[in-house]
Amino acid sequence: EVILSPGRTFEALPKGGLGRVIGFQSAAALPALVIGSLLLSLAVFAMAQFGGLEQFNPLGKLGGVDMAAGLAGIFLGLGCVLVLIPLLLFVGAAFVHLLLLPWSPAGDFGQTYRAYGYVTGAFLVFNFIPCLNYVAGLWSGFTLVIALSRVHRLTWWKVVLSLVVPACVLLAFLLALPALTGSRL
């Protein structure tokens, strides 16, 4: 519903309950991690098989210590992701809310947190699918603008200005940084 009808979804977004957003993000992260891991493994396997790297065979050692270390790495990675999701969600939503403050948004930080969390969680799995991630990235930006404009009762152009202008200024600064410091890229 977040992807297909964001206007209706965020018009009726209830207040309170930050735990649901974290649960939604965590539930969306698991398939995203599985798809991303499978695509990465497939790419490494294809490079090893077809790239002339016979000595690098990731499927050659599947027993003993190698298998245990791989499983431990998977569980450690999942644990880190489940801890990092609420932290990154909080930091991202705080930055977005800070950018919206000049327009005096009607909602509080909790509304920004929920809107940002649901939009990023809904599109998380598409970030790992090649070619589809570009379309999903544009659609998630469009959906985030709708979500924030609905929960904060702002016009869409104010939200776009709040999100796009700082990104353009940061990009211009990063592009000008080598000229300012006298170094080359």
C-alpha atoms as a PDB file:
ATOM      1  CA  GLU A   1       0.000   0.000   0.000  1.00  0.00           C
ATOM      2  CA  VAL A   2       2.916   2.351   0.688  1.00  0.00           C
ATOM      3  CA  ILE A   3       4.267   1.784  -2.832  1.00  0.00           C
ATOM      4  CA  LEU A   4       1.017   1.788  -4.794  1.00  0.00           C
ATOM      5  CA  SER A   5      -1.139   4.343  -2.969  1.00  0.00           C
ATOM      6  CA  PRO A   6       1.046   6.551  -0.777  1.00  0.00           C
ATOM      7  CA  GLY A   7      -1.433   9.428  -0.662  1.00  0.00           C
ATOM      8  CA  ARG A   8      -4.143   7.365   0.974  1.00  0.00           C
ATOM      9  CA  THR A   9      -1.685   5.527   3.206  1.00  0.00           C
ATOM     10  CA  PHE A  10      -0.066   8.588   4.723  1.00  0.00           C
ATOM     11  CA  GLU A  11      -3.232  10.642   4.906  1.00  0.00           C
ATOM     12  CA  ALA A  12      -4.532   8.164   7.471  1.00  0.00           C
ATOM     13  CA  LEU A  13      -1.213   7.399   9.205  1.00  0.00           C
ATOM     14  CA  PRO A  14      -1.958   7.015  12.915  1.00  0.00           C
ATOM     15  CA  LYS A  15       0.090   8.853  15.517  1.00  0.00           C
ATOM     16  CA  GLY A  16       2.202   6.970  18.049  1.00  0.00           C
ATOM     17  CA  GLY A  17       3.764   3.547  17.896  1.00  0.00           C
ATOM     18  CA  LEU A  18       7.383   3.815  16.770  1.00  0.00           C
ATOM     19  CA  GLY A  19       7.912   0.103  17.376  1.00  0.00           C
ATOM     20  CA  ARG A  20       5.791  -0.844  14.375  1.00  0.00           C
ATOM     21  CA  VAL A  21       8.097   1.085  12.064  1.00  0.00           C
ATOM     22  CA  ILE A  22      11.163  -0.703  13.432  1.00  0.00           C
ATOM     23  CA  GLY A  23       9.395  -4.047  13.034  1.00  0.00           C
ATOM     24  CA  PHE A  24       8.429  -3.165   9.481  1.00  0.00           C
ATOM     25  CA  GLN A  25      12.009  -2.144   8.666  1.00  0.00           C
ATOM     26  CA  SER A  26      13.400  -5.330  10.193  1.00  0.00           C
ATOM     27  CA  ALA A  27      10.886  -7.502   8.335  1.00  0.00           C
ATOM     28  CA  ALA A  28      11.762  -5.740   5.074  1.00  0.00           C
ATOM     29  CA  ALA A  29      15.504  -6.045   5.698  1.00  0.00           C
ATOM     30  CA  LEU A  30      15.499  -9.853   5.859  1.00  0.00           C
ATOM     31  CA  PRO A  31      14.340 -10.481   2.254  1.00  0.00           C
ATOM     32  CA  ALA A  32      16.517  -7.593   1.081  1.00  0.00           C
ATOM     33  CA  LEU A  33      19.571  -9.164   2.704  1.00  0.00           C
ATOM     34  CA  VAL A  34      18.742 -12.590   1.269  1.00  0.00           C
ATOM     35  CA  ILE A  35      18.276 -11.228  -2.256  1.00  0.00           C
ATOM     36  CA  GLY A  36      21.380  -9.054  -1.990  1.00  0.00           C
ATOM     37  CA  SER A  37      23.477 -11.946  -0.657  1.00  0.00           C
ATOM     38  CA  LEU A  38      22.268 -14.290  -3.389  1.00  0.00           C
ATOM     39  CA  LEU A  39      23.009 -11.771  -6.143  1.00  0.00           C
ATOM     40  CA  LEU A  40      26.449 -11.035  -4.700  1.00  0.00           C
ATOM     41  CA  SER A  41      27.222 -14.753  -4.381  1.00  0.00           C
ATOM     42  CA  LEU A  42      26.072 -15.316  -7.951  1.00  0.00           C
ATOM     43  CA  ALA A  43      28.313 -12.491  -9.177  1.00  0.00           C
ATOM     44  CA  VAL A  44      31.339 -13.857  -7.295  1.00  0.00           C
ATOM     45  CA  PHE A  45      30.661 -17.374  -8.556  1.00  0.00           C
ATOM     46  CA  ALA A  46      30.297 -16.136 -12.148  1.00  0.00           C
ATOM     47  CA  MET A  47      33.546 -14.180 -11.897  1.00  0.00           C
ATOM     48  CA  ALA A  48      35.325 -17.247 -10.521  1.00  0.00           C
ATOM     49  CA  GLN A  49      33.926 -19.599 -13.154  1.00  0.00           C
ATOM     50  CA  PHE A  50      34.014 -17.441 -16.262  1.00  0.00           C
ATOM     51  CA  GLY A  51      36.714 -14.945 -15.374  1.00  0.00           C
ATOM     52  CA  GLY A  52      39.588 -17.421 -15.358  1.00  0.00           C
ATOM     53  CA  LEU A  53      39.967 -17.421 -11.586  1.00  0.00           C
ATOM     54  CA  GLU A  54      39.988 -21.171 -11.027  1.00  0.00           C
ATOM     55  CA  GLN A  55      42.072 -20.815  -7.866  1.00  0.00           C
ATOM     56  CA  PHE A  56      39.284 -18.687  -6.330  1.00  0.00           C
ATOM     57  CA  ASN A  57      36.435 -21.125  -5.963  1.00  0.00           C
ATOM     58  CA  PRO A  58      34.078 -20.048  -3.177  1.00  0.00           C
ATOM     59  CA  LEU A  59      32.231 -23.379  -3.341  1.00  0.00           C
ATOM     60  CA  GLY A  60      35.372 -25.485  -3.032  1.00  0.00           C
ATOM     61  CA  LYS A  61      35.590 -25.386   0.782  1.00  0.00           C
ATOM     62  CA  LEU A  62      32.228 -26.046   2.349  1.00  0.00           C
ATOM     63  CA  GLY A  63      33.250 -28.176   5.286  1.00  0.00           C
ATOM     64  CA  GLY A  64      34.693 -27.805   8.768  1.00  0.00           C
ATOM     65  CA  VAL A  65      35.911 -24.451   9.950  1.00  0.00           C
ATOM     66  CA  ASP A  66      35.051 -22.609   6.728  1.00  0.00           C
ATOM     67  CA  MET A  67      31.353 -23.486   7.016  1.00  0.00           C
ATOM     68  CA  ALA A  68      31.233 -22.549  10.719  1.00  0.00           C
ATOM     69  CA  ALA A  69      32.965 -19.240  10.055  1.00  0.00           C
ATOM     70  CA  GLY A  70      30.527 -18.508   7.239  1.00  0.00           C
ATOM     71  CA  LEU A  71      27.513 -19.225   9.442  1.00  0.00           C
ATOM     72  CA  ALA A  72      28.947 -17.140  12.271  1.00  0.00           C
ATOM     73  CA  GLY A  73      29.479 -14.287   9.819  1.00  0.00           C
ATOM     74  CA  ILE A  74      25.896 -14.528   8.603  1.00  0.00           C
ATOM     75  CA  PHE A  75      24.465 -14.411  12.129  1.00  0.00           C
ATOM     76  CA  LEU A  76      26.821 -11.602  13.130  1.00  0.00           C
ATOM     77  CA  GLY A  77      25.785  -9.643  10.048  1.00  0.00           C
ATOM     78  CA  LEU A  78      22.091 -10.149  10.780  1.00  0.00           C
ATOM     79  CA  GLY A  79      22.614  -9.056  14.379  1.00  0.00           C
ATOM     80  CA  CYS A  80      24.423  -5.919  13.274  1.00  0.00           C
ATOM     81  CA  VAL A  81      21.710  -5.122  10.770  1.00  0.00           C
ATOM     82  CA  LEU A  82      18.980  -5.512  13.365  1.00  0.00           C
ATOM     83  CA  VAL A  83      20.847  -3.118  15.656  1.00  0.00           C
ATOM     84  CA  LEU A  84      21.778  -0.666  12.902  1.00  0.00           C
ATOM     85  CA  ILE A  85      18.294  -0.432  11.373  1.00  0.00           C
ATOM     86  CA  PRO A  86      16.734   1.580  14.221  1.00  0.00           C
ATOM     87  CA  LEU A  87      19.853   3.726  14.542  1.00  0.00           C
ATOM     88  CA  LEU A  88      20.086   4.561  10.826  1.00  0.00           C
ATOM     89  CA  LEU A  89      16.336   5.092  10.643  1.00  0.00           C
ATOM     90  CA  PHE A  90      16.503   7.539  13.539  1.00  0.00           C
ATOM     91  CA  VAL A  91      19.442   9.483  12.052  1.00  0.00           C
ATOM     92  CA  GLY A  92      17.877   9.631   8.570  1.00  0.00           C
ATOM     93  CA  ALA A  93      14.496  10.759   9.882  1.00  0.00           C
ATOM     94  CA  ALA A  94      16.137  13.374  12.131  1.00  0.00           C
ATOM     95  CA  PHE A  95      18.027  14.809   9.153  1.00  0.00           C
ATOM     96  CA  VAL A  96      14.868  14.922   7.025  1.00  0.00           C
ATOM     97  CA  HIS A  97      12.877  16.527   9.847  1.00  0.00           C
ATOM     98  CA  LEU A  98      15.617  19.117  10.314  1.00  0.00           C
ATOM     99  CA  LEU A  99      15.376  19.992   6.611  1.00  0.00           C
ATOM    100  CA  LEU A 100      11.592  20.443   6.924  1.00  0.00           C
ATOM    101  CA  LEU A 101      11.729  22.741   9.974  1.00  0.00           C
ATOM    102  CA  PRO A 102      11.919  26.047   8.020  1.00  0.00           C
ATOM    103  CA  TRP A 103       8.411  25.324   6.673  1.00  0.00           C
ATOM    104  CA  SER A 104       6.902  24.743  10.170  1.00  0.00           C
ATOM    105  CA  PRO A 105       5.622  21.195   9.634  1.00  0.00           C
ATOM    106  CA  ALA A 106       2.297  20.311  11.266  1.00  0.00           C
ATOM    107  CA  GLY A 107       3.543  16.958  12.548  1.00  0.00           C
ATOM    108  CA  ASP A 108       6.247  16.221  15.056  1.00  0.00           C
ATOM    109  CA  PHE A 109       9.417  14.159  14.688  1.00  0.00           C
ATOM    110  CA  GLY A 110       7.417  10.980  15.272  1.00  0.00           C
ATOM    111  CA  GLN A 111       5.394  11.588  12.128  1.00  0.00           C
ATOM    112  CA  THR A 112       8.561  12.158  10.104  1.00  0.00           C
ATOM    113  CA  TYR A 113      10.065   9.010  11.629  1.00  0.00           C
ATOM    114  CA  ARG A 114       7.049   6.882  10.696  1.00  0.00           C
ATOM    115  CA  ALA A 115       6.731   8.272   7.159  1.00  0.00           C
ATOM    116  CA  TYR A 116      10.464   7.945   6.483  1.00  0.00           C
ATOM    117  CA  GLY A 117      10.577   4.463   8.009  1.00  0.00           C
ATOM    118  CA  TYR A 118       7.643   3.074   6.054  1.00  0.00           C
ATOM    119  CA  VAL A 119       8.840   4.500   2.740  1.00  0.00           C
ATOM    120  CA  THR A 120      12.440   3.322   3.097  1.00  0.00           C
ATOM    121  CA  GLY A 121      11.315  -0.082   4.370  1.00  0.00           C
ATOM    122  CA  ALA A 122       8.877  -0.615   1.524  1.00  0.00           C
ATOM    123  CA  PHE A 123      11.567   0.006  -1.087  1.00  0.00           C
ATOM    124  CA  LEU A 124      14.426  -1.737   0.726  1.00  0.00           C
ATOM    125  CA  VAL A 125      14.179  -5.017  -1.164  1.00  0.00           C
ATOM    126  CA  PHE A 126      14.317  -3.268  -4.559  1.00  0.00           C
ATOM    127  CA  ASN A 127      17.700  -1.696  -3.768  1.00  0.00           C
ATOM    128  CA  PHE A 128      19.472  -4.995  -4.470  1.00  0.00           C
ATOM    129  CA  ILE A 129      17.852  -5.866  -7.792  1.00  0.00           C
ATOM    130  CA  PRO A 130      19.933  -4.574 -10.710  1.00  0.00           C
ATOM    131  CA  CYS A 131      18.202  -2.145 -13.103  1.00  0.00           C
ATOM    132  CA  LEU A 132      15.012  -2.197 -11.022  1.00  0.00           C
ATOM    133  CA  ASN A 133      16.806  -0.276  -8.262  1.00  0.00           C
ATOM    134  CA  TYR A 134      17.000   2.837 -10.455  1.00  0.00           C
ATOM    135  CA  VAL A 135      13.253   2.900 -11.051  1.00  0.00           C
ATOM    136  CA  ALA A 136      12.533   2.043  -7.423  1.00  0.00           C
ATOM    137  CA  GLY A 137      14.881   4.806  -6.270  1.00  0.00           C
ATOM    138  CA  LEU A 138      12.989   7.428  -8.243  1.00  0.00           C
ATOM    139  CA  TRP A 139       9.632   6.076  -7.112  1.00  0.00           C
ATOM    140  CA  SER A 140      10.755   5.992  -3.465  1.00  0.00           C
ATOM    141  CA  GLY A 141      11.747   9.666  -3.686  1.00  0.00           C
ATOM    142  CA  PHE A 142       8.359  10.492  -5.154  1.00  0.00           C
ATOM    143  CA  THR A 143       6.659   8.439  -2.424  1.00  0.00           C
ATOM    144  CA  LEU A 144       8.704  10.128   0.310  1.00  0.00           C
ATOM    145  CA  VAL A 145       7.630  13.558  -0.955  1.00  0.00           C
ATOM    146  CA  ILE A 146       3.976  12.471  -0.879  1.00  0.00           C
ATOM    147  CA  ALA A 147       4.362  10.912   2.577  1.00  0.00           C
ATOM    148  CA  LEU A 148       6.017  13.935   4.136  1.00  0.00           C
ATOM    149  CA  SER A 149       3.628  16.396   2.522  1.00  0.00           C
ATOM    150  CA  ARG A 150       0.621  14.445   3.820  1.00  0.00           C
ATOM    151  CA  VAL A 151       1.787  13.878   7.387  1.00  0.00           C
ATOM    152  CA  HIS A 152       3.043  17.447   7.825  1.00  0.00           C
ATOM    153  CA  ARG A 153       0.315  19.184   5.790  1.00  0.00           C
ATOM    154  CA  LEU A 154       2.876  20.859   3.517  1.00  0.00           C
ATOM    155  CA  THR A 155       2.682  21.460  -0.207  1.00  0.00           C
ATOM    156  CA  TRP A 156       4.752  19.055  -2.268  1.00  0.00           C
ATOM    157  CA  TRP A 157       7.079  21.733  -3.634  1.00  0.00           C
ATOM    158  CA  LYS A 158       8.161  22.736  -0.128  1.00  0.00           C
ATOM    159  CA  VAL A 159       9.121  19.148   0.617  1.00  0.00           C
ATOM    160  CA  VAL A 160      10.968  18.861  -2.693  1.00  0.00           C
ATOM    161  CA  LEU A 161      12.883  22.078  -1.984  1.00  0.00           C
ATOM    162  CA  SER A 162      13.743  20.841   1.496  1.00  0.00           C
ATOM    163  CA  LEU A 163      15.142  17.553   0.195  1.00  0.00           C
ATOM    164  CA  VAL A 164      16.657  18.503  -3.174  1.00  0.00           C
ATOM    165  CA  VAL A 165      18.340  21.859  -2.527  1.00  0.00           C
ATOM    166  CA  PRO A 166      20.577  20.627   0.347  1.00  0.00           C
ATOM    167  CA  ALA A 167      21.519  17.557  -1.710  1.00  0.00           C
ATOM    168  CA  CYS A 168      22.487  19.768  -4.674  1.00  0.00           C
ATOM    169  CA  VAL A 169      24.499  22.096  -2.424  1.00  0.00           C
ATOM    170  CA  LEU A 170      26.324  19.110  -0.897  1.00  0.00           C
ATOM    171  CA  LEU A 171      27.037  17.663  -4.346  1.00  0.00           C
ATOM    172  CA  ALA A 172      28.334  21.005  -5.600  1.00  0.00           C
ATOM    173  CA  PHE A 173      30.569  21.283  -2.536  1.00  0.00           C
ATOM    174  CA  LEU A 174      31.943  17.776  -3.070  1.00  0.00           C
ATOM    175  CA  LEU A 175      32.621  18.510  -6.726  1.00  0.00           C
ATOM    176  CA  ALA A 176      34.316  21.805  -5.858  1.00  0.00           C
ATOM    177  CA  LEU A 177      36.347  20.346  -2.977  1.00  0.00           C
ATOM    178  CA  PRO A 178      39.322  19.254  -5.122  1.00  0.00           C
ATOM    179  CA  ALA A 179      39.553  22.733  -6.645  1.00  0.00           C
ATOM    180  CA  LEU A 180      39.347  24.339  -3.214  1.00  0.00           C
ATOM    181  CA  THR A 181      42.065  22.124  -1.746  1.00  0.00           C
ATOM    182  CA  GLY A 182      44.264  22.154  -4.859  1.00  0.00           C
ATOM    183  CA  SER A 183      44.246  18.372  -5.263  1.00  0.00           C
ATOM    184  CA  ARG A 184      43.186  16.230  -8.202  1.00  0.00           C
ATOM    185  CA  LEU A 185      40.589  13.478  -8.321  1.00  0.00           C
END
